Amino acid sequence: MHVELIGIHKYFGNVHASDDIHMTIPSGAIHAILGENGAGKSTLMKVLSGFIQADQGEIRLDGKPVIIHSPADAIHHGIGMLHQDPLDFPPMKVIDNFLVGSPGKPIPNRKNVIRSLEELQKEFDFTIDLNAYMDTLTVGERQQLEILRLLWLGAQVLILDEPTTGISAPQKVKLFDTLRILAGQGKTVIFVSHKLEDVESLCTKVSVLRRGKLVGEVEPPFDIDELVTMMFGKVVSLGKRAVVEQGQAILELKHFSVEDYRMRLSEVDLQVHAGEVIGLAGMEGSGQLLFLQTCAGIHRPITGQLMLNNQDLTGKSYHTFVNLGVRYVPASRMEEGLIPGLSLTEHFVLAGEQTKPFVDWAASEKTADERIVEFNIHGKPTTMVEDLSGGNQQRALLALLRTPLSLILMEHPTRGLDVESSIYIWSKLKERCRQGSAILFISADLDEILHYSDRILVFYSGKVSPPLNAMETTVDQLGQLIGGKGWPSTGSWQPAEAG
């Protein structure tokens, strides 16, 4: 399907989120929409997919003007959007999720639907168990199910918003293979991303947005430095590794074991020091999340000891951990980290220490102003958190953390963020390290783990490696360990040589 966006304008108050966008995307293309956080990528795609309506401009499909009032309208016209966080119902089974919102009869023919789904799975070599519950699937499998749903509903244009965030390397290969098959069938794929390496390896053309404007379009071969300059208006680099002097032991695990209904982590021994950053690497569901949440007091170990600043916190409540300077920052910012419907000022009130019976709103707004400036949040004290971009939501989460803290535990601290926002987030985290905090974090980005960690723990099927020196470990070695290669059965532990 041939897609044309003609003179698209969209305002949110004084913010001109889409500023006279003209774009043409032909059938069979894998077209990238690239830009920094807040550049207007999601706004433009929400206009195309019916979640919001443009204030001015026109959409044409195969040369015909269309008006799209809603996502249902969009799918009726053959346009479907796969969001960064799959829209499904975790307590339900796969097949029941597939049936939700299905068109036609109030009670769809279950056998026919299963047959259609199995045929689609076979076409793309997917192997999703239709009777499994959604919360047992990986992010990649949930993504596959959403692609199948959109195709089943007749989508000819598929919009994917940051689809490689939070999925493993093999799942990304599978996703890219699927998108190439779809493009080969004449479908139009719009790939919204900030990851230059993904765009370079997959896409047939790139449109770059900056501050709501289309600043240029590029065809292969892509010049990465040129794309970065178009995105940010300047050259951006990671810079040198920041080394922080380490202090006394903050966290100590002795013969530490923990389990949930899926797996058990056994006999982990670890010391984490003030100023140290430890990265947790592994495929999703390998045990790193269970480990991180136990260090936060959300889960309790079944054996062993957990010491924080020489205090035994084994079996203590989450609130005890919080009161002793431990903070947990989840990956799902809006579901677990922030509260939709509340402003930035209200969040700072809730996160602050209240010493008076009533809230001093004038002082609270002043605090919000100061934090917004300090953490470079693109918003106002009255801005609702759901109206912030992903990068600004992450900055807000960091701004809410009190000082000082002993231990900061983070899931995917730069998930969905552009290069510049990621560098900024880590500059603030390294400030925390210089103040004496220790940091443990999960990331699916191996380059991020290697660049920002002092030591690395690798998780594979419930096994935990001894700490690896990040400066002496390569991406290849890390990738092999994550995939289950190089783990010794007995004797001393040493990662396999790359190659």
Protein backbone atom coordinates (compact mmCIF):
# COMPACT_ATOMS: atom_id res chain seq x y z
CA MET A 1 0.00 0.00 0.00
CA HIS A 2 1.35 3.42 -1.05
CA VAL A 3 1.24 5.92 1.86
CA GLU A 4 1.42 9.71 1.54
CA LEU A 5 1.47 12.21 4.41
CA ILE A 6 0.84 15.72 3.10
CA GLY A 7 1.35 18.85 5.22
CA ILE A 8 0.70 17.18 8.57
CA HIS A 9 0.51 19.57 11.54
CA LYS A 10 -0.20 18.61 15.15
CA TYR A 11 -0.17 20.86 18.21
CA PHE A 12 -0.22 20.00 21.91
CA GLY A 13 -0.78 23.38 23.53
CA ASN A 14 2.20 25.53 22.51
CA VAL A 15 4.19 22.50 21.32
CA HIS A 16 4.25 22.03 17.54
CA ALA A 17 4.78 18.25 17.60
CA SER A 18 4.35 17.74 13.83
CA ASP A 19 5.34 20.76 11.74
CA ASP A 20 4.29 20.55 8.06
CA ILE A 21 5.41 16.94 7.49
CA HIS A 22 5.45 15.70 3.88
CA MET A 23 6.40 12.04 3.43
CA THR A 24 5.87 9.34 0.78
CA ILE A 25 6.31 5.62 1.58
CA PRO A 26 5.83 3.14 -1.31
CA SER A 27 4.53 -0.41 -1.15
CA GLY A 28 7.17 -3.01 -0.34
CA ALA A 29 9.38 -0.54 1.54
CA ILE A 30 10.87 -0.88 4.99
CA HIS A 31 10.93 2.81 5.79
CA ALA A 32 12.63 4.11 8.95
CA ILE A 33 11.41 7.09 10.95
CA LEU A 34 14.47 8.19 12.90
CA GLY A 35 14.85 10.90 15.52
CA GLU A 36 15.77 11.75 19.07
CA ASN A 37 13.27 11.33 21.92
CA GLY A 38 10.62 14.01 21.56
CA ALA A 39 11.36 14.58 17.85
CA GLY A 40 7.75 13.81 16.89
CA LYS A 41 8.10 10.22 15.62
CA SER A 42 5.35 8.74 17.79
CA THR A 43 3.03 11.71 17.22
CA LEU A 44 3.25 11.32 13.44
CA MET A 45 2.62 7.57 13.62
CA LYS A 46 -0.31 8.05 16.01
CA VAL A 47 -1.85 10.38 13.43
CA LEU A 48 -1.41 7.75 10.71
CA SER A 49 -2.76 4.94 12.93
CA GLY A 50 -5.80 6.88 14.17
CA PHE A 51 -4.86 7.30 17.85
CA ILE A 52 -4.91 11.07 17.40
CA GLN A 53 -6.05 13.34 14.58
CA ALA A 54 -3.94 15.93 12.77
CA ASP A 55 -4.89 19.58 13.17
CA GLN A 56 -4.06 20.13 9.51
CA GLY A 57 -2.97 18.01 6.54
CA GLU A 58 -4.01 14.99 4.54
CA ILE A 59 -3.38 11.24 4.46
CA ARG A 60 -3.56 9.38 1.13
CA LEU A 61 -3.53 5.62 0.68
CA ASP A 62 -2.87 4.37 -2.86
CA GLY A 63 -3.55 7.92 -4.05
CA LYS A 64 -6.96 8.28 -2.35
CA PRO A 65 -7.53 10.75 0.52
CA VAL A 66 -8.74 9.08 3.72
CA ILE A 67 -9.89 10.36 7.10
CA ILE A 68 -8.85 8.16 10.02
CA HIS A 69 -10.79 8.82 13.22
CA SER A 70 -9.61 5.87 15.33
CA PRO A 71 -7.40 2.75 15.40
CA ALA A 72 -10.46 0.78 14.27
CA ASP A 73 -10.75 3.12 11.29
CA ALA A 74 -7.04 2.64 10.59
CA ILE A 75 -7.23 -1.16 10.55
CA HIS A 76 -10.32 -0.89 8.32
CA HIS A 77 -8.08 1.04 5.89
CA GLY A 78 -5.31 -1.56 6.29
CA ILE A 79 -3.06 0.25 8.79
CA GLY A 80 -1.96 -1.44 12.03
CA MET A 81 0.48 -0.31 14.71
CA LEU A 82 2.62 -2.50 16.93
CA HIS A 83 3.47 -0.50 20.03
CA GLN A 84 6.73 -0.60 22.01
CA ASP A 85 4.86 -2.34 24.85
CA PRO A 86 2.56 -4.99 23.30
CA LEU A 87 -1.12 -4.35 23.99
CA ASP A 88 -2.34 -7.61 25.46
CA PHE A 89 -3.94 -9.13 28.55
CA PRO A 90 -1.34 -11.12 30.56
CA PRO A 91 -3.83 -13.13 32.68
CA MET A 92 -5.41 -14.62 29.54
CA LYS A 93 -4.31 -17.36 27.17
CA VAL A 94 -2.70 -16.64 23.80
CA ILE A 95 -5.73 -17.70 21.78
CA ASP A 96 -8.07 -15.61 23.94
CA ASN A 97 -5.85 -12.56 23.45
CA PHE A 98 -5.98 -13.19 19.73
CA LEU A 99 -9.79 -13.25 19.80
CA VAL A 100 -10.14 -10.01 21.79
CA GLY A 101 -11.47 -7.31 19.52
CA SER A 102 -11.89 -9.68 16.58
CA PRO A 103 -14.36 -8.38 13.97
CA GLY A 104 -17.56 -10.04 12.84
CA LYS A 105 -19.80 -12.15 15.04
CA PRO A 106 -19.99 -11.51 18.82
CA ILE A 107 -18.81 -15.09 19.36
CA PRO A 108 -16.16 -15.92 16.73
CA ASN A 109 -15.68 -19.44 15.41
CA ARG A 110 -12.79 -20.58 17.60
CA LYS A 111 -11.74 -23.46 15.35
CA ASN A 112 -11.54 -21.23 12.28
CA VAL A 113 -9.51 -18.65 14.17
CA ILE A 114 -7.08 -21.30 15.44
CA ARG A 115 -6.69 -22.66 11.90
CA SER A 116 -5.97 -19.16 10.53
CA LEU A 117 -3.48 -18.48 13.29
CA GLU A 118 -1.67 -21.78 12.74
CA GLU A 119 -1.41 -21.07 9.00
CA LEU A 120 0.06 -17.64 9.70
CA GLN A 121 2.51 -19.09 12.22
CA LYS A 122 3.66 -21.64 9.66
CA GLU A 123 4.17 -18.93 7.03
CA PHE A 124 6.53 -16.99 9.31
CA ASP A 125 8.01 -19.97 11.21
CA PHE A 126 6.56 -18.83 14.56
CA THR A 127 6.04 -21.43 17.29
CA ILE A 128 3.77 -19.77 19.86
CA ASP A 129 1.82 -22.17 22.08
CA LEU A 130 -1.79 -21.06 21.63
CA ASN A 131 -2.81 -22.44 25.04
CA ALA A 132 0.01 -20.76 26.96
CA TYR A 133 -0.76 -17.81 29.21
CA MET A 134 0.48 -14.45 27.98
CA ASP A 135 2.63 -13.78 31.05
CA THR A 136 4.76 -16.85 30.22
CA LEU A 137 5.74 -15.47 26.80
CA THR A 138 8.86 -13.44 26.11
CA VAL A 139 8.58 -9.89 24.78
CA GLY A 140 9.61 -11.24 21.38
CA GLU A 141 6.82 -13.84 21.36
CA ARG A 142 4.23 -11.24 22.43
CA GLN A 143 5.48 -9.09 19.57
CA GLN A 144 5.07 -12.00 17.13
CA LEU A 145 1.51 -12.51 18.33
CA GLU A 146 0.71 -8.83 17.73
CA ILE A 147 2.12 -9.05 14.18
CA LEU A 148 -0.07 -12.10 13.53
CA ARG A 149 -3.12 -10.28 14.90
CA LEU A 150 -2.55 -7.27 12.62
CA LEU A 151 -2.06 -9.49 9.57
CA TRP A 152 -5.17 -11.50 10.44
CA LEU A 153 -7.13 -8.24 10.64
CA GLY A 154 -5.92 -7.38 7.13
CA ALA A 155 -3.13 -4.87 7.76
CA GLN A 156 -1.21 -3.85 4.64
CA VAL A 157 0.76 -1.14 6.44
CA LEU A 158 2.54 -2.17 9.65
CA ILE A 159 3.95 0.52 11.95
CA LEU A 160 6.46 -0.77 14.50
CA ASP A 161 7.40 1.57 17.37
CA GLU A 162 10.89 0.79 18.76
CA PRO A 163 10.37 -2.96 18.10
CA THR A 164 13.91 -4.09 19.04
CA THR A 165 13.72 -2.65 22.57
CA GLY A 166 13.88 -5.38 25.20
CA ILE A 167 14.19 -8.37 22.85
CA SER A 168 17.16 -10.70 22.55
CA ALA A 169 19.56 -10.85 19.59
CA PRO A 170 18.00 -14.09 18.16
CA GLN A 171 14.51 -12.56 18.52
CA LYS A 172 15.70 -9.47 16.62
CA VAL A 173 17.02 -11.65 13.78
CA LYS A 174 13.63 -13.39 13.66
CA LEU A 175 11.79 -10.06 13.63
CA PHE A 176 13.93 -8.68 10.79
CA ASP A 177 13.43 -11.85 8.74
CA THR A 178 9.66 -11.47 9.21
CA LEU A 179 9.68 -7.81 8.16
CA ARG A 180 11.66 -8.65 5.01
CA ILE A 181 9.11 -11.34 4.12
CA LEU A 182 6.25 -8.84 4.60
CA ALA A 183 7.98 -6.24 2.42
CA GLY A 184 8.55 -8.93 -0.21
CA GLN A 185 4.79 -9.54 -0.21
CA GLY A 186 4.22 -5.87 -1.07
CA LYS A 187 3.24 -4.73 2.40
CA THR A 188 4.54 -1.42 3.72
CA VAL A 189 6.64 -1.52 6.89
CA ILE A 190 7.28 1.68 8.86
CA PHE A 191 10.09 1.15 11.37
CA VAL A 192 10.20 3.80 14.13
CA SER A 193 13.53 3.72 15.93
CA HIS A 194 16.49 5.58 17.35
CA LYS A 195 18.87 2.60 16.89
CA LEU A 196 21.14 3.40 13.98
CA GLU A 197 22.56 -0.10 13.61
CA ASP A 198 19.03 -1.55 13.22
CA VAL A 199 18.09 1.03 10.61
CA GLU A 200 21.35 0.48 8.72
CA SER A 201 20.90 -3.30 8.48
CA LEU A 202 17.17 -3.37 7.69
CA CYS A 203 15.70 -0.27 6.08
CA THR A 204 15.37 0.85 2.47
CA LYS A 205 15.02 4.56 3.28
CA VAL A 206 15.24 6.83 6.33
CA SER A 207 13.25 9.95 7.19
CA VAL A 208 14.82 11.96 10.03
CA LEU A 209 12.72 14.14 12.34
CA ARG A 210 14.02 16.80 14.71
CA ARG A 211 11.80 18.95 16.94
CA GLY A 212 8.72 18.13 14.92
CA LYS A 213 10.21 18.89 11.50
CA LEU A 214 11.34 16.56 8.71
CA VAL A 215 15.00 17.54 8.37
CA GLY A 216 15.96 15.11 5.62
CA GLU A 217 15.60 11.73 3.94
CA VAL A 218 18.45 9.34 3.13
CA GLU A 219 18.77 6.14 1.07
CA PRO A 220 21.42 3.37 1.46
CA PRO A 221 24.30 3.23 1.88
CA PHE A 222 23.79 5.13 5.13
CA ASP A 223 26.46 7.30 6.72
CA ILE A 224 25.96 6.87 10.48
CA ASP A 225 27.72 10.12 11.38
CA GLU A 226 25.46 11.96 8.92
CA LEU A 227 22.34 10.42 10.48
CA VAL A 228 23.47 11.34 14.00
CA THR A 229 24.13 14.92 12.93
CA MET A 230 20.69 15.10 11.29
CA MET A 231 19.05 13.74 14.47
CA PHE A 232 20.75 16.02 16.97
CA GLY A 233 22.16 18.87 14.93
CA LYS A 234 25.64 17.88 16.12
CA VAL A 235 27.99 14.90 16.43
CA VAL A 236 27.31 12.77 19.53
CA SER A 237 29.72 10.18 20.95
CA LEU A 238 29.75 7.99 24.05
CA GLY A 239 33.01 9.49 25.24
CA LYS A 240 35.49 7.81 27.55
CA ARG A 241 34.53 5.28 30.19
CA ALA A 242 33.87 7.08 33.48
CA VAL A 243 35.89 5.51 36.30
CA VAL A 244 34.69 6.14 39.86
CA GLU A 245 36.80 5.33 42.89
CA GLN A 246 35.15 2.54 44.85
CA GLY A 247 34.55 2.53 48.58
CA GLN A 248 33.35 0.09 51.21
CA ALA A 249 31.05 -2.87 50.53
CA ILE A 250 27.42 -1.70 50.22
CA LEU A 251 25.74 -5.00 49.34
CA GLU A 252 26.96 -8.46 50.29
CA LEU A 253 25.33 -11.75 49.30
CA LYS A 254 26.50 -14.92 51.04
CA HIS A 255 25.42 -18.35 49.73
CA PHE A 256 22.37 -16.53 48.41
CA SER A 257 19.53 -18.53 46.79
CA VAL A 258 16.15 -17.39 45.53
CA GLU A 259 13.39 -18.97 43.46
CA ASP A 260 10.01 -18.33 41.91
CA TYR A 261 7.63 -20.63 40.05
CA ARG A 262 9.88 -20.65 36.96
CA MET A 263 13.43 -21.03 38.22
CA ARG A 264 15.92 -21.06 41.06
CA LEU A 265 19.17 -19.13 41.46
CA SER A 266 21.49 -20.99 43.83
CA GLU A 267 24.54 -20.20 45.96
CA VAL A 268 25.39 -16.70 44.72
CA ASP A 269 28.24 -14.92 46.51
CA LEU A 270 28.82 -11.27 45.68
CA GLN A 271 30.15 -8.02 47.14
CA VAL A 272 29.11 -4.71 45.59
CA HIS A 273 31.05 -1.59 46.60
CA ALA A 274 30.15 2.09 46.85
CA GLY A 275 30.69 3.75 43.49
CA GLU A 276 30.52 0.46 41.58
CA VAL A 277 28.25 -0.36 38.64
CA ILE A 278 27.37 -4.00 37.96
CA GLY A 279 25.55 -4.95 34.75
CA LEU A 280 23.25 -7.97 34.64
CA ALA A 281 23.23 -9.62 31.21
CA GLY A 282 21.17 -12.49 29.86
CA MET A 283 18.23 -13.40 27.69
CA GLU A 284 14.87 -12.33 29.04
CA GLY A 285 13.65 -14.76 31.69
CA SER A 286 17.12 -16.07 32.58
CA GLY A 287 16.89 -14.96 36.22
CA GLN A 288 18.33 -11.46 36.24
CA LEU A 289 14.99 -9.79 37.06
CA LEU A 290 14.38 -12.19 39.94
CA PHE A 291 17.88 -11.43 41.23
CA LEU A 292 17.45 -7.66 40.97
CA GLN A 293 14.05 -7.67 42.68
CA THR A 294 15.38 -9.81 45.52
CA CYS A 295 18.18 -7.29 46.07
CA ALA A 296 15.39 -4.68 46.37
CA GLY A 297 13.44 -6.66 48.96
CA ILE A 298 10.56 -7.41 46.59
CA HIS A 299 11.33 -11.15 46.74
CA ARG A 300 12.90 -12.91 49.71
CA PRO A 301 15.82 -15.33 49.47
CA ILE A 302 15.16 -18.93 50.45
CA THR A 303 18.68 -19.51 51.79
CA GLY A 304 21.76 -17.46 52.49
CA GLN A 305 22.24 -13.93 53.70
CA LEU A 306 21.74 -10.43 52.28
CA MET A 307 23.73 -7.66 53.98
CA LEU A 308 23.33 -3.94 53.30
CA ASN A 309 25.93 -1.65 54.89
CA ASN A 310 26.73 -4.46 57.35
CA GLN A 311 23.07 -4.82 58.37
CA ASP A 312 21.39 -8.18 57.85
CA LEU A 313 18.27 -7.57 55.74
CA THR A 314 17.59 -11.22 54.93
CA GLY A 315 13.83 -11.69 54.84
CA LYS A 316 13.07 -8.04 55.64
CA SER A 317 10.26 -6.15 53.90
CA TYR A 318 10.58 -3.95 50.84
CA HIS A 319 9.85 -0.88 52.99
CA THR A 320 12.80 -1.74 55.23
CA PHE A 321 15.06 -1.73 52.18
CA VAL A 322 13.60 1.63 51.06
CA ASN A 323 14.12 3.17 54.50
CA LEU A 324 17.77 2.08 54.42
CA GLY A 325 18.51 3.77 51.08
CA VAL A 326 17.62 1.19 48.42
CA ARG A 327 15.66 2.30 45.35
CA TYR A 328 14.25 0.15 42.57
CA VAL A 329 13.52 1.73 39.16
CA PRO A 330 11.33 -0.51 36.94
CA ALA A 331 11.43 -0.68 33.15
CA SER A 332 7.69 -0.02 32.76
CA ARG A 333 7.76 3.68 33.55
CA MET A 334 4.04 4.41 33.32
CA GLU A 335 2.77 1.13 34.77
CA GLU A 336 5.07 0.90 37.80
CA GLY A 337 7.32 3.96 38.04
CA LEU A 338 5.04 6.97 37.52
CA ILE A 339 1.35 7.71 38.11
CA PRO A 340 -0.70 8.74 35.06
CA GLY A 341 -2.96 11.71 35.76
CA LEU A 342 -0.53 13.38 38.16
CA SER A 343 1.72 16.31 37.32
CA LEU A 344 5.47 16.53 37.85
CA THR A 345 4.88 18.74 40.91
CA GLU A 346 2.55 16.13 42.44
CA HIS A 347 5.15 13.42 41.84
CA PHE A 348 7.83 15.43 43.64
CA VAL A 349 5.42 15.96 46.54
CA LEU A 350 4.80 12.21 46.83
CA ALA A 351 8.51 11.37 46.53
CA GLY A 352 9.64 13.98 49.03
CA GLU A 353 9.82 13.76 52.79
CA GLN A 354 6.77 15.46 54.29
CA THR A 355 7.35 17.23 57.62
CA LYS A 356 4.17 19.32 57.68
CA PRO A 357 0.52 18.23 57.88
CA PHE A 358 -0.35 20.13 54.68
CA VAL A 359 1.40 20.39 51.34
CA ASP A 360 3.16 23.69 50.66
CA TRP A 361 2.28 23.90 46.97
CA ALA A 362 4.31 27.03 46.30
CA ALA A 363 7.46 25.40 47.69
CA SER A 364 6.64 22.14 45.88
CA GLU A 365 6.31 23.94 42.56
CA LYS A 366 9.65 25.66 43.18
CA THR A 367 11.24 22.26 43.88
CA ALA A 368 9.71 20.89 40.67
CA ASP A 369 11.12 23.85 38.72
CA GLU A 370 14.59 23.21 40.15
CA ARG A 371 14.50 19.49 39.39
CA ILE A 372 13.21 20.10 35.86
CA VAL A 373 16.18 22.37 35.19
CA GLU A 374 18.70 20.10 36.96
CA PHE A 375 17.61 16.97 35.07
CA ASN A 376 16.88 18.76 31.77
CA ILE A 377 13.27 17.54 31.67
CA HIS A 378 11.36 18.98 28.71
CA GLY A 379 8.22 19.89 30.62
CA LYS A 380 6.70 22.21 33.21
CA PRO A 381 5.71 21.63 36.86
CA THR A 382 2.10 21.31 35.67
CA THR A 383 2.92 18.79 32.90
CA MET A 384 1.24 15.40 33.31
CA VAL A 385 3.79 12.59 33.26
CA GLU A 386 1.96 10.71 30.51
CA ASP A 387 2.51 13.72 28.23
CA LEU A 388 6.30 13.43 28.55
CA SER A 389 8.40 11.54 25.98
CA GLY A 390 10.07 8.29 27.07
CA GLY A 391 13.40 10.02 27.66
CA ASN A 392 11.82 12.71 29.79
CA GLN A 393 9.87 10.13 31.80
CA GLN A 394 13.16 8.38 32.55
CA ARG A 395 14.76 11.70 33.59
CA ALA A 396 11.76 12.34 35.84
CA LEU A 397 12.23 8.95 37.51
CA LEU A 398 15.85 9.82 38.26
CA ALA A 399 14.83 13.25 39.52
CA LEU A 400 12.45 11.58 41.99
CA LEU A 401 15.27 9.60 43.66
CA ARG A 402 16.32 11.03 47.02
CA THR A 403 19.91 11.82 47.98
CA PRO A 404 21.87 10.08 49.37
CA LEU A 405 21.11 6.47 48.43
CA SER A 406 23.10 3.33 49.13
CA LEU A 407 21.88 1.09 46.31
CA ILE A 408 20.10 1.85 43.03
CA LEU A 409 18.58 -1.09 41.13
CA MET A 410 17.40 -0.43 37.57
CA GLU A 411 15.68 -2.38 34.82
CA HIS A 412 16.73 -1.22 31.34
CA PRO A 413 17.71 2.35 32.34
CA THR A 414 17.95 3.56 28.72
CA ARG A 415 15.28 1.40 27.11
CA GLY A 416 13.71 3.23 24.17
CA LEU A 417 16.02 6.24 24.53
CA ASP A 418 18.13 7.88 21.85
CA VAL A 419 21.92 8.14 22.09
CA GLU A 420 22.01 11.62 23.59
CA SER A 421 19.36 10.81 26.22
CA SER A 422 21.20 7.58 27.13
CA ILE A 423 24.47 9.46 27.62
CA TYR A 424 22.67 12.00 29.80
CA ILE A 425 20.98 9.33 31.94
CA TRP A 426 24.32 7.64 32.57
CA SER A 427 26.00 10.94 33.41
CA LYS A 428 23.44 11.39 36.21
CA LEU A 429 23.87 7.79 37.36
CA LYS A 430 27.65 8.18 37.50
CA GLU A 431 27.09 11.30 39.64
CA ARG A 432 25.24 9.01 42.06
CA CYS A 433 28.24 6.69 42.09
CA ARG A 434 30.53 9.58 42.98
CA GLN A 435 28.14 10.33 45.86
CA GLY A 436 28.67 6.79 47.17
CA SER A 437 25.79 4.83 45.63
CA ALA A 438 26.24 1.38 44.09
CA ILE A 439 24.23 0.52 40.96
CA LEU A 440 22.98 -2.80 39.61
CA PHE A 441 21.18 -2.69 36.26
CA ILE A 442 19.65 -4.99 33.66
CA SER A 443 20.08 -4.24 29.95
CA ALA A 444 19.53 -6.08 26.68
CA ASP A 445 22.11 -3.77 25.06
CA LEU A 446 25.49 -5.48 25.39
CA ASP A 447 27.38 -2.35 24.36
CA GLU A 448 25.69 -0.45 27.18
CA ILE A 449 26.63 -3.14 29.69
CA LEU A 450 30.26 -3.22 28.56
CA HIS A 451 30.67 0.57 28.42
CA TYR A 452 29.06 1.54 31.72
CA SER A 453 29.67 -1.48 34.00
CA ASP A 454 32.69 -2.12 36.18
CA ARG A 455 31.76 -5.79 36.49
CA ILE A 456 29.19 -8.01 34.79
CA LEU A 457 27.07 -10.94 35.96
CA VAL A 458 25.77 -13.21 33.18
CA PHE A 459 22.55 -15.18 33.71
CA TYR A 460 21.67 -18.29 31.76
CA SER A 461 18.81 -20.64 32.58
CA GLY A 462 19.03 -19.96 36.31
CA LYS A 463 22.83 -20.03 36.43
CA VAL A 464 24.84 -16.99 37.47
CA SER A 465 28.42 -16.39 36.40
CA PRO A 466 31.09 -15.07 38.74
CA PRO A 467 31.65 -11.32 38.21
CA LEU A 468 33.48 -10.53 34.96
CA ASN A 469 35.73 -7.51 34.53
CA ALA A 470 33.90 -5.39 31.95
CA MET A 471 37.13 -3.94 30.53
CA GLU A 472 38.47 -7.44 29.84
CA THR A 473 35.27 -8.87 28.31
CA THR A 474 34.24 -8.57 24.65
CA VAL A 475 30.82 -8.42 23.03
CA ASP A 476 31.49 -11.85 21.45
CA GLN A 477 32.35 -13.44 24.80
CA LEU A 478 29.29 -11.92 26.42
CA GLY A 479 27.07 -13.05 23.56
CA GLN A 480 28.34 -16.62 23.80
CA LEU A 481 27.74 -16.78 27.55
CA ILE A 482 24.24 -15.35 27.19
CA GLY A 483 23.53 -18.04 24.60
CA GLY A 484 24.76 -20.81 26.93
CA LYS A 485 28.23 -21.37 25.47
CA GLY A 486 31.40 -21.34 27.54
CA TRP A 487 29.85 -22.33 30.86
CA PRO A 488 32.13 -24.83 32.65
CA SER A 489 30.75 -28.00 34.18
CA THR A 490 33.47 -28.12 36.83
CA GLY A 491 36.69 -26.39 37.80
CA SER A 492 37.72 -22.76 37.52
CA TRP A 493 35.48 -20.38 35.62
CA GLN A 494 36.77 -18.41 32.65
CA PRO A 495 34.80 -16.96 29.71
CA ALA A 496 35.53 -18.51 26.33
CA GLU A 497 37.85 -16.64 24.00
CA ALA A 498 36.02 -14.78 21.25
CA GLY A 499 36.16 -16.26 17.78
